[in-house]
Amino acid sequence: MPSSRHRPDAVRARRVLAVAAIAVAVAQLAAGLALDTAPARVRFAHGARVLDQARALGGAPYVLLLGSSRFWQLDADTAAVALRETVGGDGPGLLKGAMPAGDPIVADYLIERLLAEGSHPRLIALEISPEIIANPSRWVAEHAVRFFTWRDVAVWTPEIVRAGKTGAERGNAVRPPRDAEVAPSLPPRRWGRPRARAPAGALPRRWHPRRARRRSRVELGPRALHA
């Protein structure tokens, strides 16, 4: 009696997989192109907020703070008061453009757009630290998600790859050693629970024969049980 089951068609299966792969690639490309033309607030809310605040200042002079989360945590009102006390009178306003993962790549993104919109800061205070100016940038992959276009991704791909390898090497460097690596270097474990040290100036405990026998068994191990 012939079987009612159909045999799998290898050619059709390969054709379906190829069509699915092409559909996914086209969808990814179309979504990426749509995000490239989308407003900044869709992908990069922090950057869009800084640009909106600069527009609200109009043509008034201001000082632009750029940096990472260290500058981002500064109190803008307190900094503005200190700036007015230093300059005297009606000093320039203060625009805090610092944000998490704010390195020179983010600073270049913001300054380019501020100048394109006709907003010119009178002074720029830029945070500089070893991890911010490191090459490759430790946050370049995050920037690819936040505001890079497809053209930017093509330009920054080598550094993105190097940043991924550097992060993996850094993770291996700080990885705690395994038990097998630590075990040979550990001193032999003593029997019993460790005794807490007596505080300075405390009187010594009185000797007791039963306590002395128990201590000798703990320190000598199983041999003391047969003594």
Protein backbone atom coordinates (compact mmCIF):
# COMPACT_ATOMS: atom_id res chain seq x y z
CA MET A 1 0.00 0.00 0.00
CA PRO A 2 1.60 3.32 -1.00
CA SER A 3 2.36 5.75 1.83
CA SER A 4 0.15 8.84 2.06
CA ARG A 5 2.99 10.98 3.35
CA HIS A 6 4.77 13.31 0.95
CA ARG A 7 8.51 13.12 0.73
CA PRO A 8 10.32 16.37 1.60
CA ASP A 9 11.28 18.40 -1.43
CA ALA A 10 14.88 19.56 -0.91
CA VAL A 11 14.78 21.97 -3.84
CA ARG A 12 11.63 23.66 -2.58
CA ALA A 13 13.04 23.87 0.96
CA ARG A 14 16.19 25.62 -0.30
CA ARG A 15 14.07 27.98 -2.38
CA VAL A 16 11.93 28.90 0.64
CA LEU A 17 15.01 29.54 2.79
CA ALA A 18 16.57 31.72 0.11
CA VAL A 19 13.39 33.78 -0.29
CA ALA A 20 13.10 34.18 3.50
CA ALA A 21 16.73 35.34 3.78
CA ILE A 22 16.26 37.88 0.97
CA ALA A 23 13.03 39.15 2.58
CA VAL A 24 14.74 39.62 5.94
CA ALA A 25 17.70 41.44 4.35
CA VAL A 26 15.42 43.75 2.36
CA ALA A 27 13.30 44.48 5.45
CA GLN A 28 16.42 45.29 7.48
CA LEU A 29 17.72 47.61 4.78
CA ALA A 30 14.38 49.36 4.38
CA ALA A 31 14.02 49.83 8.14
CA GLY A 32 17.56 51.18 8.38
CA LEU A 33 16.99 53.67 5.58
CA ALA A 34 13.74 54.78 7.21
CA LEU A 35 15.53 55.33 10.53
CA ASP A 36 18.27 57.31 8.77
CA THR A 37 15.70 59.89 7.69
CA ALA A 38 13.68 59.80 10.93
CA PRO A 39 13.89 62.69 13.43
CA ALA A 40 16.65 62.51 16.00
CA ARG A 41 14.21 61.98 18.88
CA VAL A 42 13.27 58.57 17.46
CA ARG A 43 16.72 57.05 18.00
CA PHE A 44 18.71 59.60 19.98
CA ALA A 45 16.46 61.22 22.57
CA HIS A 46 19.34 62.77 24.55
CA GLY A 47 20.77 64.47 21.49
CA ALA A 48 17.36 65.70 20.34
CA ARG A 49 16.76 67.22 23.79
CA VAL A 50 20.04 69.16 23.62
CA LEU A 51 19.18 70.50 20.16
CA ASP A 52 15.71 71.57 21.34
CA GLN A 53 17.18 73.41 24.32
CA ALA A 54 19.62 75.22 22.03
CA ARG A 55 16.75 76.33 19.78
CA ALA A 56 14.91 77.64 22.83
CA LEU A 57 17.87 79.91 23.65
CA GLY A 58 17.51 81.66 20.31
CA GLY A 59 20.50 83.86 19.61
CA ALA A 60 21.47 84.31 23.26
CA PRO A 61 25.08 83.43 24.12
CA TYR A 62 25.62 80.23 26.05
CA VAL A 63 28.29 77.87 27.30
CA LEU A 64 28.06 74.29 26.05
CA LEU A 65 29.05 71.42 28.34
CA LEU A 66 30.01 68.23 26.51
CA GLY A 67 31.05 64.96 28.07
CA SER A 68 29.95 61.68 29.53
CA SER A 69 27.81 60.85 32.55
CA ARG A 70 30.27 62.69 34.83
CA PHE A 71 29.25 66.03 33.31
CA TRP A 72 25.69 64.78 32.86
CA GLN A 73 25.32 64.48 36.64
CA LEU A 74 26.30 68.11 37.21
CA ASP A 75 23.55 70.39 38.50
CA ALA A 76 22.98 72.87 35.67
CA ASP A 77 21.44 75.52 37.95
CA THR A 78 24.38 75.43 40.35
CA ALA A 79 26.84 75.62 37.46
CA ALA A 80 24.93 78.57 35.99
CA VAL A 81 25.09 80.45 39.30
CA ALA A 82 28.83 79.78 39.58
CA LEU A 83 29.30 81.00 36.00
CA ARG A 84 27.43 84.25 36.66
CA GLU A 85 29.44 84.85 39.82
CA THR A 86 32.66 84.34 37.88
CA VAL A 87 31.74 86.43 34.84
CA GLY A 88 29.70 88.99 36.73
CA GLY A 89 26.43 90.54 35.76
CA ASP A 90 24.24 88.73 33.27
CA GLY A 91 26.54 85.96 32.17
CA PRO A 92 25.86 83.60 29.29
CA GLY A 93 23.44 80.74 29.68
CA LEU A 94 24.50 77.17 30.25
CA LEU A 95 23.53 74.29 27.99
CA LYS A 96 24.32 70.84 29.28
CA GLY A 97 25.07 68.63 26.31
CA ALA A 98 26.70 65.87 28.33
CA MET A 99 25.02 62.48 28.38
CA PRO A 100 25.76 58.82 29.10
CA ALA A 101 28.37 57.46 26.66
CA GLY A 102 29.14 61.01 25.56
CA ASP A 103 32.55 60.91 23.91
CA PRO A 104 34.08 63.10 21.13
CA ILE A 105 31.97 61.24 18.55
CA VAL A 106 28.81 62.50 20.25
CA ALA A 107 30.36 65.95 20.68
CA ASP A 108 31.09 66.10 16.93
CA TYR A 109 27.49 65.03 16.19
CA LEU A 110 26.02 67.77 18.37
CA ILE A 111 28.35 70.58 17.31
CA GLU A 112 27.82 69.80 13.63
CA ARG A 113 24.06 70.08 14.00
CA LEU A 114 24.17 73.12 16.26
CA LEU A 115 26.31 75.03 13.75
CA ALA A 116 24.08 73.90 10.88
CA GLU A 117 21.09 75.41 12.68
CA GLY A 118 22.91 78.69 13.31
CA SER A 119 23.49 78.11 17.03
CA HIS A 120 27.00 79.20 18.01
CA PRO A 121 28.14 78.57 21.61
CA ARG A 122 30.51 81.20 23.01
CA LEU A 123 32.47 78.61 24.99
CA ILE A 124 32.65 74.81 24.95
CA ALA A 125 33.74 72.84 28.02
CA LEU A 126 34.68 69.33 26.91
CA GLU A 127 35.38 66.48 29.29
CA ILE A 128 38.67 64.70 28.59
CA SER A 129 39.66 61.41 30.19
CA PRO A 130 41.62 58.35 29.02
CA GLU A 131 38.57 56.16 28.43
CA ILE A 132 36.82 58.90 26.43
CA ILE A 133 39.65 59.52 23.97
CA ALA A 134 40.64 55.85 23.74
CA ASN A 135 41.08 54.30 20.31
CA PRO A 136 38.96 52.37 19.53
CA SER A 137 36.12 54.15 21.25
CA ARG A 138 34.49 51.97 23.88
CA TRP A 139 31.02 53.27 22.92
CA VAL A 140 31.22 53.25 19.13
CA ALA A 141 28.86 50.27 18.83
CA GLU A 142 26.29 52.14 20.94
CA HIS A 143 26.60 55.16 18.66
CA ALA A 144 25.80 52.92 15.70
CA VAL A 145 22.47 52.19 17.35
CA ARG A 146 21.77 55.77 18.41
CA PHE A 147 22.57 57.97 15.41
CA PHE A 148 24.84 56.31 12.84
CA THR A 149 23.49 56.09 9.29
CA TRP A 150 24.33 53.23 6.93
CA ARG A 151 27.14 55.37 5.50
CA ASP A 152 28.51 55.99 9.01
CA VAL A 153 28.36 52.28 9.79
CA ALA A 154 30.39 51.52 6.65
CA VAL A 155 33.03 54.08 7.68
CA TRP A 156 33.19 53.01 11.34
CA THR A 157 32.97 49.24 10.82
CA PRO A 158 36.73 48.61 11.40
CA GLU A 159 36.63 50.47 14.71
CA ILE A 160 33.39 48.76 15.73
CA VAL A 161 35.04 45.38 15.14
CA ARG A 162 38.18 46.39 17.02
CA ALA A 163 36.10 47.76 19.90
CA GLY A 164 34.30 44.42 20.17
CA LYS A 165 37.58 42.51 20.31
CA THR A 166 39.06 44.94 22.83
CA GLY A 167 35.97 44.58 25.04
CA ALA A 168 36.26 40.79 24.93
CA GLU A 169 39.95 40.96 25.86
CA ARG A 170 39.17 43.39 28.67
CA GLY A 171 36.48 41.02 29.95
CA ASN A 172 38.94 38.12 29.93
CA ALA A 173 41.49 40.21 31.77
CA VAL A 174 39.11 40.99 34.62
CA ARG A 175 37.46 37.55 34.62
CA PRO A 176 37.84 35.87 38.02
CA PRO A 177 39.99 32.74 37.82
CA ARG A 178 38.31 29.36 37.91
CA ASP A 179 38.47 27.03 40.87
CA ALA A 180 40.92 24.78 39.05
CA GLU A 181 43.28 27.73 38.56
CA VAL A 182 43.05 28.84 42.17
CA ALA A 183 43.11 25.48 43.91
CA PRO A 184 46.86 24.73 43.51
CA SER A 185 47.82 28.09 45.00
CA LEU A 186 45.48 27.93 47.99
CA PRO A 187 46.94 26.95 51.37
CA PRO A 188 45.68 23.67 52.84
CA ARG A 189 42.38 24.14 54.61
CA ARG A 190 42.41 23.60 58.35
CA TRP A 191 39.80 21.53 60.04
CA GLY A 192 37.04 23.30 61.93
CA ARG A 193 35.72 26.82 61.78
CA PRO A 194 38.16 29.78 61.93
CA ARG A 195 38.33 31.46 65.29
CA ALA A 196 37.68 35.18 65.55
CA ARG A 197 40.57 37.26 66.81
CA ALA A 198 40.22 38.74 70.26
CA PRO A 199 40.10 42.54 70.39
CA ALA A 200 43.16 44.44 71.53
CA GLY A 201 43.50 44.53 75.31
CA ALA A 202 41.15 41.62 75.91
CA LEU A 203 42.05 39.14 78.64
CA PRO A 204 43.07 35.62 77.52
CA ARG A 205 40.51 32.87 77.91
CA ARG A 206 40.99 30.50 80.85
CA TRP A 207 42.47 27.10 80.07
CA HIS A 208 40.10 24.14 80.29
CA PRO A 209 41.17 20.49 79.72
CA ARG A 210 38.07 19.60 77.68
CA ARG A 211 38.51 22.67 75.47
CA ALA A 212 42.20 21.88 75.01
CA ARG A 213 41.43 18.31 73.85
CA ARG A 214 38.83 19.60 71.38
CA ARG A 215 41.31 22.16 69.98
CA SER A 216 43.98 19.52 69.50
CA ARG A 217 41.55 17.35 67.52
CA VAL A 218 40.59 20.29 65.31
CA GLU A 219 44.19 21.26 64.55
CA LEU A 220 45.59 17.73 64.07
CA GLY A 221 42.67 16.37 62.10
CA PRO A 222 41.53 12.74 62.06
CA ARG A 223 44.81 11.49 63.60
CA ALA A 224 43.85 13.06 66.90
CA LEU A 225 40.73 10.87 67.01
CA HIS A 226 42.93 7.75 67.37
CA ALA A 227 45.36 9.25 69.86
